[in-house]
């Protein structure tokens, strides 16, 4: 079911758009990102040319969905339910951290925003670095805590493969 949900949202083009429409969206995404990489546009164009179904808007929508699924699975001590979205290295790191984390009675992501920091193409491998700003609510025994979290995640996908899933390959948080 997880894979089916992600297939619907990650990187799938919802409708045909003109080049002008895509440029407007890219400018909007880039204007919100102070760490904008000047190679972003050429790498983005290379990705769009290699994967005709790719759009920034649908990718970010899917990335936010994946973020919620992965973080919720982690907080619920059930990271294996998101295994299909994780590289083996990231899965192992999450599993190791799950053992160390304090028990949370309830967890909720109340808000999440995302923006692309960098797009990189290495032959057929596309890597997209995304910054997530989220508000997360943790409820432990008799204590409720709301925190703002900044995460930077890198997703990757082999362009042209039959698998539409973007895999989480790197995670950093601040």
C-alpha atoms as a PDB file:
ATOM      1  CA  UNK A   1       0.000   0.000   0.000  1.00  0.00           C
ATOM      2  CA  UNK A   2       2.849   2.378   0.851  1.00  0.00           C
ATOM      3  CA  UNK A   3       4.427   1.834  -2.539  1.00  0.00           C
ATOM      4  CA  UNK A   4       1.100   2.376  -4.289  1.00  0.00           C
ATOM      5  CA  UNK A   5       0.587   5.676  -2.477  1.00  0.00           C
ATOM      6  CA  UNK A   6       4.050   6.864  -3.409  1.00  0.00           C
ATOM      7  CA  UNK A   7       3.651   5.791  -7.009  1.00  0.00           C
ATOM      8  CA  UNK A   8       0.671   8.119  -7.235  1.00  0.00           C
ATOM      9  CA  UNK A   9       2.525  11.101  -5.810  1.00  0.00           C
ATOM     10  CA  UNK A  10       6.300  10.972  -6.292  1.00  0.00           C
ATOM     11  CA  UNK A  11       7.525  12.378  -9.568  1.00  0.00           C
ATOM     12  CA  UNK A  12       4.405  11.589 -11.562  1.00  0.00           C
ATOM     13  CA  UNK A  13       3.236  14.292 -13.928  1.00  0.00           C
ATOM     14  CA  UNK A  14      -0.408  15.111 -13.263  1.00  0.00           C
ATOM     15  CA  UNK A  15      -1.092  17.042 -16.457  1.00  0.00           C
ATOM     16  CA  UNK A  16       0.631  18.524 -19.484  1.00  0.00           C
ATOM     17  CA  UNK A  17       1.981  22.018 -18.887  1.00  0.00           C
ATOM     18  CA  UNK A  18       3.568  24.557 -21.131  1.00  0.00           C
ATOM     19  CA  UNK A  19       7.264  25.417 -20.746  1.00  0.00           C
ATOM     20  CA  UNK A  20       6.228  28.893 -19.512  1.00  0.00           C
ATOM     21  CA  UNK A  21       4.137  27.345 -16.743  1.00  0.00           C
ATOM     22  CA  UNK A  22       7.073  25.186 -15.634  1.00  0.00           C
ATOM     23  CA  UNK A  23       9.411  28.189 -15.603  1.00  0.00           C
ATOM     24  CA  UNK A  24       7.002  30.095 -13.333  1.00  0.00           C
ATOM     25  CA  UNK A  25       6.921  27.217 -10.859  1.00  0.00           C
ATOM     26  CA  UNK A  26      10.695  26.881 -10.873  1.00  0.00           C
ATOM     27  CA  UNK A  27      11.126  30.582 -10.177  1.00  0.00           C
ATOM     28  CA  UNK A  28       8.634  30.318  -7.291  1.00  0.00           C
ATOM     29  CA  UNK A  29      10.506  27.377  -5.771  1.00  0.00           C
ATOM     30  CA  UNK A  30      13.884  29.038  -6.277  1.00  0.00           C
ATOM     31  CA  UNK A  31      12.791  32.410  -4.887  1.00  0.00           C
ATOM     32  CA  UNK A  32      11.962  30.714  -1.577  1.00  0.00           C
ATOM     33  CA  UNK A  33      15.360  29.095  -1.324  1.00  0.00           C
ATOM     34  CA  UNK A  34      18.304  31.195  -0.232  1.00  0.00           C
ATOM     35  CA  UNK A  35      20.766  28.332  -0.894  1.00  0.00           C
ATOM     36  CA  UNK A  36      19.905  28.171  -4.585  1.00  0.00           C
ATOM     37  CA  UNK A  37      22.563  26.437  -6.673  1.00  0.00           C
ATOM     38  CA  UNK A  38      23.287  28.155 -10.006  1.00  0.00           C
ATOM     39  CA  UNK A  39      23.605  24.738 -11.689  1.00  0.00           C
ATOM     40  CA  UNK A  40      20.037  23.988 -10.610  1.00  0.00           C
ATOM     41  CA  UNK A  41      18.386  25.180 -13.838  1.00  0.00           C
ATOM     42  CA  UNK A  42      20.592  23.193 -16.225  1.00  0.00           C
ATOM     43  CA  UNK A  43      20.375  20.053 -14.084  1.00  0.00           C
ATOM     44  CA  UNK A  44      16.635  20.534 -13.761  1.00  0.00           C
ATOM     45  CA  UNK A  45      16.282  20.825 -17.531  1.00  0.00           C
ATOM     46  CA  UNK A  46      18.435  17.717 -17.980  1.00  0.00           C
ATOM     47  CA  UNK A  47      16.183  15.813 -15.544  1.00  0.00           C
ATOM     48  CA  UNK A  48      12.987  17.019 -17.238  1.00  0.00           C
ATOM     49  CA  UNK A  49      14.385  16.033 -20.652  1.00  0.00           C
ATOM     50  CA  UNK A  50      15.407  12.593 -19.346  1.00  0.00           C
ATOM     51  CA  UNK A  51      12.110  11.968 -17.508  1.00  0.00           C
ATOM     52  CA  UNK A  52       9.239  13.548 -19.421  1.00  0.00           C
ATOM     53  CA  UNK A  53       6.833  12.785 -16.565  1.00  0.00           C
ATOM     54  CA  UNK A  54       8.801  14.783 -13.989  1.00  0.00           C
ATOM     55  CA  UNK A  55       7.600  18.109 -12.594  1.00  0.00           C
ATOM     56  CA  UNK A  56       8.925  20.083  -9.630  1.00  0.00           C
ATOM     57  CA  UNK A  57       5.433  20.544  -8.203  1.00  0.00           C
ATOM     58  CA  UNK A  58       4.512  16.860  -8.214  1.00  0.00           C
ATOM     59  CA  UNK A  59       7.948  15.849  -6.940  1.00  0.00           C
ATOM     60  CA  UNK A  60       7.704  18.208  -3.945  1.00  0.00           C
ATOM     61  CA  UNK A  61       4.161  17.036  -3.207  1.00  0.00           C
ATOM     62  CA  UNK A  62       5.392  13.440  -3.248  1.00  0.00           C
ATOM     63  CA  UNK A  63       8.491  14.289  -1.215  1.00  0.00           C
ATOM     64  CA  UNK A  64       6.310  15.861   1.489  1.00  0.00           C
ATOM     65  CA  UNK A  65       4.131  12.728   1.542  1.00  0.00           C
ATOM     66  CA  UNK A  66       7.228  10.522   1.805  1.00  0.00           C
ATOM     67  CA  UNK A  67       8.573  12.771   4.582  1.00  0.00           C
ATOM     68  CA  UNK A  68       5.394  12.315   6.620  1.00  0.00           C
ATOM     69  CA  UNK A  69       5.335   8.545   6.078  1.00  0.00           C
ATOM     70  CA  UNK A  70       9.019   8.062   6.941  1.00  0.00           C
ATOM     71  CA  UNK A  71       9.084  10.345   9.991  1.00  0.00           C
ATOM     72  CA  UNK A  72       5.829   8.887  11.341  1.00  0.00           C
ATOM     73  CA  UNK A  73       7.123   5.333  10.839  1.00  0.00           C
ATOM     74  CA  UNK A  74      10.325   6.266  12.654  1.00  0.00           C
ATOM     75  CA  UNK A  75       8.499   7.887  15.568  1.00  0.00           C
ATOM     76  CA  UNK A  76       6.177   4.844  15.818  1.00  0.00           C
ATOM     77  CA  UNK A  77       9.243   2.556  16.057  1.00  0.00           C
ATOM     78  CA  UNK A  78       8.136   0.885  12.826  1.00  0.00           C
ATOM     79  CA  UNK A  79      10.669   2.162  10.272  1.00  0.00           C
ATOM     80  CA  UNK A  80      10.450  -1.153   8.421  1.00  0.00           C
ATOM     81  CA  UNK A  81       7.014  -0.060   7.120  1.00  0.00           C
ATOM     82  CA  UNK A  82       8.813   2.625   5.086  1.00  0.00           C
ATOM     83  CA  UNK A  83      11.675   0.348   3.985  1.00  0.00           C
ATOM     84  CA  UNK A  84      10.773   0.572   0.281  1.00  0.00           C
ATOM     85  CA  UNK A  85      11.473   4.323   0.391  1.00  0.00           C
ATOM     86  CA  UNK A  86      14.890   4.063   2.033  1.00  0.00           C
ATOM     87  CA  UNK A  87      18.353   3.156   0.827  1.00  0.00           C
ATOM     88  CA  UNK A  88      19.925   0.313   2.849  1.00  0.00           C
ATOM     89  CA  UNK A  89      22.318   2.819   4.500  1.00  0.00           C
ATOM     90  CA  UNK A  90      19.485   5.131   5.608  1.00  0.00           C
ATOM     91  CA  UNK A  91      17.337   2.199   6.781  1.00  0.00           C
ATOM     92  CA  UNK A  92      20.193   0.915   8.950  1.00  0.00           C
ATOM     93  CA  UNK A  93      20.804   4.379  10.440  1.00  0.00           C
ATOM     94  CA  UNK A  94      17.099   4.805  11.252  1.00  0.00           C
ATOM     95  CA  UNK A  95      16.967   1.327  12.820  1.00  0.00           C
ATOM     96  CA  UNK A  96      19.959   2.121  15.024  1.00  0.00           C
ATOM     97  CA  UNK A  97      18.443   5.434  16.109  1.00  0.00           C
ATOM     98  CA  UNK A  98      15.023   3.871  16.756  1.00  0.00           C
ATOM     99  CA  UNK A  99      16.573   1.747  19.512  1.00  0.00           C
ATOM    100  CA  UNK A 100      17.958   4.880  21.207  1.00  0.00           C
ATOM    101  CA  UNK A 101      14.946   7.188  20.948  1.00  0.00           C
ATOM    102  CA  UNK A 102      12.599   7.825  23.855  1.00  0.00           C
ATOM    103  CA  UNK A 103       9.140   6.331  23.639  1.00  0.00           C
ATOM    104  CA  UNK A 104       6.541   8.670  22.208  1.00  0.00           C
ATOM    105  CA  UNK A 105       2.897   8.045  23.146  1.00  0.00           C
ATOM    106  CA  UNK A 106       1.576  10.023  20.183  1.00  0.00           C
ATOM    107  CA  UNK A 107       3.157  11.937  17.328  1.00  0.00           C
ATOM    108  CA  UNK A 108       1.862  14.326  14.702  1.00  0.00           C
ATOM    109  CA  UNK A 109       3.372  16.450  11.953  1.00  0.00           C
ATOM    110  CA  UNK A 110       1.233  19.576  12.049  1.00  0.00           C
ATOM    111  CA  UNK A 111       2.915  21.457   9.209  1.00  0.00           C
ATOM    112  CA  UNK A 112       5.504  20.723   6.518  1.00  0.00           C
ATOM    113  CA  UNK A 113       6.986  22.920   3.800  1.00  0.00           C
ATOM    114  CA  UNK A 114       9.598  21.896   1.269  1.00  0.00           C
ATOM    115  CA  UNK A 115      11.921  23.426  -1.284  1.00  0.00           C
ATOM    116  CA  UNK A 116      14.560  22.043  -3.591  1.00  0.00           C
ATOM    117  CA  UNK A 117      18.126  22.978  -2.728  1.00  0.00           C
ATOM    118  CA  UNK A 118      19.947  21.099  -5.468  1.00  0.00           C
ATOM    119  CA  UNK A 119      19.335  18.824  -8.450  1.00  0.00           C
ATOM    120  CA  UNK A 120      22.186  16.663  -9.649  1.00  0.00           C
ATOM    121  CA  UNK A 121      22.350  14.320 -12.636  1.00  0.00           C
ATOM    122  CA  UNK A 122      25.134  11.724 -12.840  1.00  0.00           C
ATOM    123  CA  UNK A 123      24.548   9.698 -15.988  1.00  0.00           C
ATOM    124  CA  UNK A 124      21.139   8.061 -15.340  1.00  0.00           C
ATOM    125  CA  UNK A 125      21.097   8.742 -11.591  1.00  0.00           C
ATOM    126  CA  UNK A 126      19.092  11.785 -10.512  1.00  0.00           C
ATOM    127  CA  UNK A 127      19.618  13.201  -7.017  1.00  0.00           C
ATOM    128  CA  UNK A 128      17.427  15.900  -5.536  1.00  0.00           C
ATOM    129  CA  UNK A 129      18.284  17.574  -2.236  1.00  0.00           C
ATOM    130  CA  UNK A 130      15.199  18.913  -0.455  1.00  0.00           C
ATOM    131  CA  UNK A 131      14.895  21.130   2.600  1.00  0.00           C
ATOM    132  CA  UNK A 132      11.902  20.373   4.835  1.00  0.00           C
ATOM    133  CA  UNK A 133      10.666  22.770   7.498  1.00  0.00           C
ATOM    134  CA  UNK A 134       8.188  20.985   9.747  1.00  0.00           C
ATOM    135  CA  UNK A 135       6.325  21.485  12.976  1.00  0.00           C
ATOM    136  CA  UNK A 136       6.126  18.265  14.966  1.00  0.00           C
ATOM    137  CA  UNK A 137       4.138  17.477  18.083  1.00  0.00           C
ATOM    138  CA  UNK A 138       5.381  14.768  20.466  1.00  0.00           C
ATOM    139  CA  UNK A 139       3.203  13.543  23.310  1.00  0.00           C
ATOM    140  CA  UNK A 140       4.981  11.570  26.010  1.00  0.00           C
ATOM    141  CA  UNK A 141       3.362  10.301  29.226  1.00  0.00           C
ATOM    142  CA  UNK A 142       2.358  13.651  30.798  1.00  0.00           C
ATOM    143  CA  UNK A 143       4.330  15.988  28.570  1.00  0.00           C
ATOM    144  CA  UNK A 144       3.484  17.544  25.198  1.00  0.00           C
ATOM    145  CA  UNK A 145       6.189  19.161  23.112  1.00  0.00           C
ATOM    146  CA  UNK A 146       5.907  21.061  19.809  1.00  0.00           C
ATOM    147  CA  UNK A 147       9.122  21.651  17.909  1.00  0.00           C
ATOM    148  CA  UNK A 148      10.171  23.188  14.607  1.00  0.00           C
ATOM    149  CA  UNK A 149      12.542  20.943  12.686  1.00  0.00           C
ATOM    150  CA  UNK A 150      14.706  21.673   9.649  1.00  0.00           C
ATOM    151  CA  UNK A 151      15.733  18.564   7.712  1.00  0.00           C
ATOM    152  CA  UNK A 152      17.694  18.228   4.494  1.00  0.00           C
ATOM    153  CA  UNK A 153      17.002  14.975   2.661  1.00  0.00           C
ATOM    154  CA  UNK A 154      18.420  13.679  -0.604  1.00  0.00           C
ATOM    155  CA  UNK A 155      16.245  11.514  -2.825  1.00  0.00           C
ATOM    156  CA  UNK A 156      17.581   9.559  -5.784  1.00  0.00           C
ATOM    157  CA  UNK A 157      16.202   7.594  -8.688  1.00  0.00           C
ATOM    158  CA  UNK A 158      17.599   5.857 -11.743  1.00  0.00           C
ATOM    159  CA  UNK A 159      15.964   7.613 -14.683  1.00  0.00           C
ATOM    160  CA  UNK A 160      14.374   5.211 -17.136  1.00  0.00           C
ATOM    161  CA  UNK A 161      13.888   2.410 -14.594  1.00  0.00           C
ATOM    162  CA  UNK A 162      10.482   0.768 -14.289  1.00  0.00           C
ATOM    163  CA  UNK A 163      10.347   1.702 -10.597  1.00  0.00           C
ATOM    164  CA  UNK A 164       8.887   5.207 -10.188  1.00  0.00           C
ATOM    165  CA  UNK A 165       9.950   5.473  -6.534  1.00  0.00           C
ATOM    166  CA  UNK A 166      12.446   8.091  -5.400  1.00  0.00           C
ATOM    167  CA  UNK A 167      14.613   6.561  -2.640  1.00  0.00           C
ATOM    168  CA  UNK A 168      15.790   8.506   0.400  1.00  0.00           C
ATOM    169  CA  UNK A 169      19.582   8.213   0.310  1.00  0.00           C
ATOM    170  CA  UNK A 170      20.791  10.853   2.795  1.00  0.00           C
ATOM    171  CA  UNK A 171      19.384  12.679   5.823  1.00  0.00           C
ATOM    172  CA  UNK A 172      20.643  15.628   7.834  1.00  0.00           C
ATOM    173  CA  UNK A 173      18.759  17.757  10.352  1.00  0.00           C
ATOM    174  CA  UNK A 174      19.376  20.984  12.198  1.00  0.00           C
END
